[in-house]
């Protein structure tokens, strides 16, 4: 089932890659929320993130060493795992090799490998929703 909106959890240190993924998804008509890009200037981060987590119907997490250390990623993943509406709608995106540690529950989920080729990873992610990849989306 195609997302009405995807929450993209990531470490701020992986923001450039998260932005590229979000751009590809938006080019394929998938609305994406990811912080800080989608948070208006003076708004409270926590409120905006919680609102997006409550609104979005799919959850993806960009996995890297920085992500597994991030307090915010841990909170977002924990929230998504506790919500029944995210059942079968959580997608770990493996960007860099990492030990999941406190995110260990994600071991149970099929991961999309983006380590060697972001384009192939995006293609696989879109395919999971039955969407064909438009090659011009990623530079």
N, C-alpha and C. Protein backbone atom coordinates (compact mmCIF):
# COMPACT_ATOMS: atom_id res chain seq x y z
N UNK A 1 0.84 -1.19 0.00
CA UNK A 1 0.00 0.00 0.00
C UNK A 1 0.88 1.25 0.00
N UNK A 2 0.60 2.12 -0.90
CA UNK A 2 1.35 3.37 -1.07
C UNK A 2 1.15 4.29 0.14
N UNK A 3 2.22 4.89 0.65
CA UNK A 3 2.08 5.80 1.80
C UNK A 3 1.30 7.06 1.44
N UNK A 4 0.50 7.54 2.39
CA UNK A 4 -0.06 8.87 2.23
C UNK A 4 0.96 9.89 2.70
N UNK A 5 1.80 9.49 3.68
CA UNK A 5 2.94 10.30 4.11
C UNK A 5 3.90 9.39 4.88
N UNK A 6 5.18 9.54 4.58
CA UNK A 6 6.24 8.74 5.20
C UNK A 6 7.01 9.61 6.19
N UNK A 7 7.24 9.09 7.39
CA UNK A 7 8.11 9.74 8.36
C UNK A 7 9.50 9.16 8.15
N UNK A 8 10.49 10.01 7.88
CA UNK A 8 11.86 9.57 7.66
C UNK A 8 12.72 9.96 8.85
N UNK A 9 13.01 8.97 9.70
CA UNK A 9 13.83 9.19 10.89
C UNK A 9 15.30 9.05 10.48
N UNK A 10 16.14 9.95 11.01
CA UNK A 10 17.57 9.92 10.66
C UNK A 10 18.35 10.76 11.66
N UNK A 11 19.63 10.52 11.71
CA UNK A 11 20.52 11.37 12.50
C UNK A 11 20.76 12.66 11.73
N UNK A 12 20.91 13.75 12.45
CA UNK A 12 21.21 15.02 11.77
C UNK A 12 22.52 14.92 10.98
N UNK A 13 23.42 14.04 11.42
CA UNK A 13 24.69 13.86 10.69
C UNK A 13 24.48 13.18 9.34
N UNK A 14 23.33 12.56 9.14
CA UNK A 14 23.01 11.92 7.87
C UNK A 14 21.97 12.73 7.10
N UNK A 15 21.84 14.00 7.45
CA UNK A 15 20.81 14.85 6.86
C UNK A 15 20.89 14.99 5.35
N UNK A 16 22.10 15.06 4.81
CA UNK A 16 22.23 15.22 3.35
C UNK A 16 21.67 14.00 2.62
N UNK A 17 21.95 12.82 3.12
CA UNK A 17 21.44 11.59 2.49
C UNK A 17 19.93 11.50 2.68
N UNK A 18 19.45 11.84 3.88
CA UNK A 18 18.01 11.84 4.12
C UNK A 18 17.30 12.78 3.15
N UNK A 19 17.92 13.93 2.91
CA UNK A 19 17.35 14.89 1.99
C UNK A 19 17.28 14.33 0.57
N UNK A 20 18.32 13.63 0.14
CA UNK A 20 18.31 13.00 -1.20
C UNK A 20 17.21 11.97 -1.31
N UNK A 21 17.06 11.14 -0.28
CA UNK A 21 16.01 10.11 -0.30
C UNK A 21 14.64 10.76 -0.35
N UNK A 22 14.43 11.78 0.49
CA UNK A 22 13.15 12.49 0.51
C UNK A 22 12.85 13.10 -0.85
N UNK A 23 13.86 13.66 -1.49
CA UNK A 23 13.65 14.26 -2.81
C UNK A 23 13.22 13.21 -3.84
N UNK A 24 13.86 12.05 -3.82
CA UNK A 24 13.49 10.97 -4.74
C UNK A 24 12.04 10.55 -4.47
N UNK A 25 11.70 10.36 -3.21
CA UNK A 25 10.34 9.94 -2.89
C UNK A 25 9.31 10.98 -3.31
N UNK A 26 9.61 12.24 -3.05
CA UNK A 26 8.69 13.30 -3.47
C UNK A 26 8.58 13.36 -4.99
N UNK A 27 9.67 13.11 -5.69
CA UNK A 27 9.62 13.05 -7.16
C UNK A 27 8.71 11.94 -7.66
N UNK A 28 8.45 10.98 -6.78
CA UNK A 28 7.58 9.86 -7.12
C UNK A 28 6.23 9.97 -6.40
N UNK A 29 5.87 11.19 -6.01
CA UNK A 29 4.57 11.52 -5.41
C UNK A 29 4.35 10.88 -4.04
N UNK A 30 5.43 10.66 -3.29
CA UNK A 30 5.32 10.17 -1.91
C UNK A 30 5.64 11.34 -0.98
N UNK A 31 4.66 11.86 -0.25
CA UNK A 31 4.94 12.92 0.71
C UNK A 31 5.84 12.39 1.84
N UNK A 32 6.82 13.18 2.23
CA UNK A 32 7.80 12.77 3.25
C UNK A 32 7.94 13.87 4.29
N UNK A 33 7.94 13.44 5.56
CA UNK A 33 8.29 14.36 6.64
C UNK A 33 9.65 13.95 7.16
N UNK A 34 10.57 14.91 7.24
CA UNK A 34 11.81 14.67 7.96
C UNK A 34 12.30 15.98 8.56
N UNK A 35 12.77 15.88 9.80
CA UNK A 35 13.25 17.05 10.53
C UNK A 35 14.74 17.21 10.25
N UNK A 36 15.27 18.41 10.23
CA UNK A 36 14.60 19.68 10.51
C UNK A 36 13.97 20.31 9.29
N UNK A 37 14.08 19.69 8.14
CA UNK A 37 13.60 20.26 6.88
C UNK A 37 12.14 20.71 6.96
N UNK A 38 11.29 19.89 7.58
CA UNK A 38 9.85 20.18 7.57
C UNK A 38 9.33 20.81 8.85
N UNK A 39 10.22 21.42 9.63
CA UNK A 39 9.80 22.10 10.85
C UNK A 39 9.97 23.60 10.67
N UNK A 40 8.88 24.30 10.84
CA UNK A 40 8.91 25.76 10.69
C UNK A 40 9.78 26.38 11.79
N UNK A 41 10.45 27.46 11.46
CA UNK A 41 11.41 28.13 12.31
C UNK A 41 11.22 28.08 13.81
N UNK A 42 10.23 28.74 14.34
CA UNK A 42 10.12 28.89 15.79
C UNK A 42 9.28 27.79 16.46
N UNK A 43 8.75 26.88 15.69
CA UNK A 43 7.90 25.84 16.27
C UNK A 43 8.70 24.90 17.17
N UNK A 44 8.04 24.34 18.12
CA UNK A 44 8.67 23.39 19.03
C UNK A 44 8.96 22.09 18.29
N UNK A 45 10.22 21.67 18.30
CA UNK A 45 10.63 20.44 17.60
C UNK A 45 9.83 19.24 18.07
N UNK A 46 9.75 19.07 19.38
CA UNK A 46 9.08 17.89 19.91
C UNK A 46 7.63 17.83 19.44
N UNK A 47 6.94 18.95 19.48
CA UNK A 47 5.53 18.99 19.07
C UNK A 47 5.39 18.66 17.59
N UNK A 48 6.26 19.23 16.77
CA UNK A 48 6.19 18.98 15.33
C UNK A 48 6.50 17.53 15.00
N UNK A 49 7.51 16.97 15.66
CA UNK A 49 7.88 15.58 15.40
C UNK A 49 6.76 14.64 15.84
N UNK A 50 6.22 14.87 17.03
CA UNK A 50 5.13 14.02 17.51
C UNK A 50 3.91 14.13 16.60
N UNK A 51 3.59 15.33 16.18
CA UNK A 51 2.47 15.52 15.27
C UNK A 51 2.68 14.75 13.97
N UNK A 52 3.89 14.80 13.44
CA UNK A 52 4.19 14.06 12.20
C UNK A 52 4.12 12.56 12.43
N UNK A 53 4.65 12.08 13.56
CA UNK A 53 4.57 10.65 13.86
C UNK A 53 3.12 10.19 13.98
N UNK A 54 2.26 11.03 14.51
CA UNK A 54 0.84 10.69 14.63
C UNK A 54 0.12 10.76 13.30
N UNK A 55 0.59 11.60 12.40
CA UNK A 55 -0.05 11.84 11.11
C UNK A 55 0.39 10.84 10.04
N UNK A 56 1.67 10.53 9.99
CA UNK A 56 2.22 9.68 8.93
C UNK A 56 1.71 8.24 9.06
N UNK A 57 1.62 7.56 7.92
CA UNK A 57 1.15 6.17 7.95
C UNK A 57 2.26 5.17 7.64
N UNK A 58 3.45 5.63 7.29
CA UNK A 58 4.63 4.78 7.11
C UNK A 58 5.80 5.42 7.86
N UNK A 59 6.74 4.56 8.29
CA UNK A 59 7.89 5.01 9.04
C UNK A 59 9.14 4.35 8.45
N UNK A 60 10.12 5.17 8.09
CA UNK A 60 11.41 4.65 7.62
C UNK A 60 12.49 5.24 8.51
N UNK A 61 13.53 4.45 8.76
CA UNK A 61 14.65 4.94 9.56
C UNK A 61 15.93 4.68 8.79
N UNK A 62 16.72 5.72 8.63
CA UNK A 62 18.01 5.66 7.93
C UNK A 62 19.06 5.21 8.93
N UNK A 63 19.54 3.97 8.77
CA UNK A 63 20.44 3.37 9.75
C UNK A 63 21.91 3.64 9.44
N UNK A 64 22.61 4.11 10.46
CA UNK A 64 24.03 4.40 10.39
C UNK A 64 24.55 4.39 11.82
N UNK A 65 25.87 4.41 12.02
CA UNK A 65 26.38 4.52 13.39
C UNK A 65 25.84 5.77 14.10
N UNK A 66 25.74 6.88 13.39
CA UNK A 66 25.21 8.11 14.00
C UNK A 66 23.75 7.94 14.40
N UNK A 67 22.97 7.23 13.59
CA UNK A 67 21.55 7.03 13.89
C UNK A 67 21.35 6.21 15.15
N UNK A 68 22.12 5.12 15.30
CA UNK A 68 21.91 4.27 16.48
C UNK A 68 22.36 4.96 17.76
N UNK A 69 23.15 6.02 17.64
CA UNK A 69 23.56 6.81 18.81
C UNK A 69 22.61 7.97 19.10
N UNK A 70 21.77 8.31 18.15
CA UNK A 70 20.93 9.49 18.26
C UNK A 70 19.76 9.28 19.22
N UNK A 71 19.64 10.17 20.20
CA UNK A 71 18.52 10.12 21.14
C UNK A 71 17.20 10.25 20.40
N UNK A 72 17.14 11.15 19.41
CA UNK A 72 15.89 11.38 18.67
C UNK A 72 15.50 10.17 17.83
N UNK A 73 16.47 9.55 17.17
CA UNK A 73 16.16 8.36 16.37
C UNK A 73 15.63 7.27 17.30
N UNK A 74 16.27 7.07 18.44
CA UNK A 74 15.80 6.06 19.40
C UNK A 74 14.36 6.33 19.82
N UNK A 75 14.04 7.58 20.11
CA UNK A 75 12.68 7.93 20.52
C UNK A 75 11.68 7.70 19.39
N UNK A 76 12.04 8.10 18.19
CA UNK A 76 11.14 7.95 17.04
C UNK A 76 10.89 6.48 16.73
N UNK A 77 11.95 5.68 16.74
CA UNK A 77 11.80 4.24 16.48
C UNK A 77 10.95 3.60 17.57
N UNK A 78 11.22 3.94 18.81
CA UNK A 78 10.44 3.38 19.93
C UNK A 78 8.96 3.71 19.76
N UNK A 79 8.67 4.95 19.40
CA UNK A 79 7.28 5.35 19.19
C UNK A 79 6.65 4.53 18.07
N UNK A 80 7.35 4.44 16.94
CA UNK A 80 6.79 3.71 15.79
C UNK A 80 6.54 2.24 16.13
N UNK A 81 7.46 1.62 16.84
CA UNK A 81 7.30 0.22 17.21
C UNK A 81 6.12 0.01 18.16
N UNK A 82 5.76 1.02 18.92
CA UNK A 82 4.66 0.89 19.88
C UNK A 82 3.29 1.16 19.27
N UNK A 83 3.25 1.62 18.02
CA UNK A 83 1.98 1.99 17.39
C UNK A 83 1.50 0.89 16.44
N UNK A 84 0.32 0.37 16.70
CA UNK A 84 -0.22 -0.70 15.87
C UNK A 84 -0.43 -0.25 14.42
N UNK A 85 -0.71 1.02 14.23
CA UNK A 85 -0.95 1.49 12.85
C UNK A 85 0.30 1.43 11.98
N UNK A 86 1.47 1.32 12.61
CA UNK A 86 2.71 1.16 11.84
C UNK A 86 3.04 -0.33 11.60
N UNK A 87 2.16 -1.22 12.03
CA UNK A 87 2.37 -2.65 11.82
C UNK A 87 2.59 -2.91 10.32
N UNK A 88 3.68 -3.58 10.00
CA UNK A 88 4.06 -3.88 8.61
C UNK A 88 4.30 -2.63 7.77
N UNK A 89 4.59 -1.51 8.42
CA UNK A 89 4.84 -0.25 7.72
C UNK A 89 6.08 0.45 8.25
N UNK A 90 7.00 -0.32 8.77
CA UNK A 90 8.28 0.20 9.25
C UNK A 90 9.36 -0.33 8.33
N UNK A 91 10.16 0.59 7.77
CA UNK A 91 11.18 0.20 6.79
C UNK A 91 12.55 0.72 7.23
N UNK A 92 13.43 -0.18 7.69
CA UNK A 92 14.80 0.22 7.99
C UNK A 92 15.59 0.36 6.68
N UNK A 93 16.27 1.47 6.53
CA UNK A 93 17.09 1.75 5.35
C UNK A 93 18.55 1.70 5.79
N UNK A 94 19.26 0.65 5.41
CA UNK A 94 20.64 0.47 5.86
C UNK A 94 21.57 1.31 4.99
N UNK A 95 22.02 2.43 5.57
CA UNK A 95 22.88 3.37 4.87
C UNK A 95 24.36 3.09 5.13
N UNK A 96 24.69 2.75 6.38
CA UNK A 96 26.05 2.40 6.75
C UNK A 96 25.99 1.24 7.73
N UNK A 97 27.00 0.36 7.68
CA UNK A 97 27.06 -0.74 8.64
C UNK A 97 27.02 -0.19 10.05
N UNK A 98 26.24 -0.84 10.90
CA UNK A 98 26.12 -0.39 12.28
C UNK A 98 25.60 -1.54 13.14
N UNK A 99 25.87 -1.44 14.42
CA UNK A 99 25.34 -2.37 15.41
C UNK A 99 24.08 -1.72 15.96
N UNK A 100 22.96 -2.39 15.83
CA UNK A 100 21.69 -1.77 16.18
C UNK A 100 21.52 -1.49 17.67
N UNK A 101 22.16 -2.23 18.53
CA UNK A 101 22.09 -1.94 19.96
C UNK A 101 20.67 -1.77 20.43
N UNK A 102 20.32 -0.58 20.92
CA UNK A 102 18.98 -0.33 21.47
C UNK A 102 17.89 -0.35 20.39
N UNK A 103 18.29 -0.35 19.14
CA UNK A 103 17.31 -0.44 18.05
C UNK A 103 17.19 -1.89 17.56
N UNK A 104 17.61 -2.82 18.40
CA UNK A 104 17.69 -4.23 18.03
C UNK A 104 16.43 -4.84 17.47
N UNK A 105 15.26 -4.33 17.87
CA UNK A 105 14.02 -4.85 17.32
C UNK A 105 13.97 -4.71 15.80
N UNK A 106 14.73 -3.78 15.27
CA UNK A 106 14.71 -3.58 13.81
C UNK A 106 15.34 -4.75 13.06
N UNK A 107 16.09 -5.60 13.79
CA UNK A 107 16.64 -6.82 13.18
C UNK A 107 15.54 -7.71 12.62
N UNK A 108 14.35 -7.59 13.18
CA UNK A 108 13.23 -8.43 12.76
C UNK A 108 12.58 -7.96 11.47
N UNK A 109 12.95 -6.78 11.00
CA UNK A 109 12.33 -6.19 9.82
C UNK A 109 13.22 -6.37 8.59
N UNK A 110 12.59 -6.55 7.45
CA UNK A 110 13.32 -6.59 6.19
C UNK A 110 13.95 -5.22 5.96
N UNK A 111 15.26 -5.19 5.77
CA UNK A 111 15.96 -3.92 5.55
C UNK A 111 16.19 -3.70 4.05
N UNK A 112 16.23 -2.44 3.68
CA UNK A 112 16.59 -2.07 2.31
C UNK A 112 18.02 -1.59 2.36
N UNK A 113 18.86 -2.22 1.57
CA UNK A 113 20.30 -1.93 1.58
C UNK A 113 20.60 -0.75 0.67
N UNK A 114 21.09 0.32 1.27
CA UNK A 114 21.45 1.52 0.53
C UNK A 114 22.95 1.81 0.64
N UNK A 115 23.71 0.83 1.15
CA UNK A 115 25.12 1.06 1.42
C UNK A 115 25.95 1.30 0.17
N UNK A 116 25.72 0.54 -0.88
CA UNK A 116 26.59 0.68 -2.04
C UNK A 116 26.02 1.59 -3.12
N UNK A 117 24.68 1.70 -3.19
CA UNK A 117 24.08 2.49 -4.26
C UNK A 117 22.74 3.05 -3.80
N UNK A 118 22.71 4.34 -3.54
CA UNK A 118 21.49 4.99 -3.09
C UNK A 118 20.37 4.85 -4.13
N UNK A 119 20.72 4.91 -5.39
CA UNK A 119 19.74 4.77 -6.47
C UNK A 119 19.05 3.40 -6.41
N UNK A 120 19.84 2.34 -6.25
CA UNK A 120 19.26 1.00 -6.15
C UNK A 120 18.40 0.85 -4.90
N UNK A 121 18.85 1.44 -3.79
CA UNK A 121 18.06 1.40 -2.57
C UNK A 121 16.72 2.09 -2.73
N UNK A 122 16.72 3.26 -3.36
CA UNK A 122 15.46 3.98 -3.61
C UNK A 122 14.57 3.18 -4.56
N UNK A 123 15.17 2.56 -5.54
CA UNK A 123 14.41 1.73 -6.49
C UNK A 123 13.71 0.60 -5.74
N UNK A 124 14.44 -0.06 -4.84
CA UNK A 124 13.87 -1.16 -4.06
C UNK A 124 12.76 -0.67 -3.13
N UNK A 125 12.98 0.47 -2.49
CA UNK A 125 11.96 1.03 -1.61
C UNK A 125 10.68 1.33 -2.38
N UNK A 126 10.80 1.98 -3.50
CA UNK A 126 9.63 2.30 -4.32
C UNK A 126 8.95 1.03 -4.83
N UNK A 127 9.74 0.04 -5.19
CA UNK A 127 9.18 -1.23 -5.68
C UNK A 127 8.32 -1.89 -4.60
N UNK A 128 8.69 -1.71 -3.32
CA UNK A 128 7.92 -2.32 -2.24
C UNK A 128 6.49 -1.76 -2.19
N UNK A 129 6.27 -0.60 -2.78
CA UNK A 129 4.94 0.00 -2.86
C UNK A 129 4.35 -0.12 -4.25
N UNK A 130 5.02 -0.87 -5.14
CA UNK A 130 4.52 -1.04 -6.50
C UNK A 130 4.71 0.18 -7.37
N UNK A 131 5.73 0.97 -7.07
CA UNK A 131 5.99 2.21 -7.82
C UNK A 131 7.27 2.02 -8.63
N UNK A 132 7.20 2.32 -9.93
CA UNK A 132 8.39 2.26 -10.78
C UNK A 132 9.30 3.44 -10.54
N UNK A 133 10.57 3.20 -10.67
CA UNK A 133 11.60 4.23 -10.42
C UNK A 133 11.84 5.06 -11.66
N UNK A 134 11.72 6.40 -11.51
CA UNK A 134 12.07 7.32 -12.59
C UNK A 134 13.54 7.66 -12.42
N UNK A 135 14.36 7.27 -13.36
CA UNK A 135 15.81 7.36 -13.22
C UNK A 135 16.34 8.77 -13.05
N UNK A 136 15.65 9.77 -13.52
CA UNK A 136 16.16 11.14 -13.45
C UNK A 136 16.10 11.71 -12.04
N UNK A 137 15.52 10.99 -11.09
CA UNK A 137 15.30 11.53 -9.75
C UNK A 137 16.53 11.70 -8.90
N UNK A 138 17.59 10.97 -9.19
CA UNK A 138 18.74 10.98 -8.29
C UNK A 138 19.99 11.27 -9.11
N UNK A 139 20.72 12.28 -8.68
CA UNK A 139 21.88 12.71 -9.42
C UNK A 139 23.10 11.93 -9.27
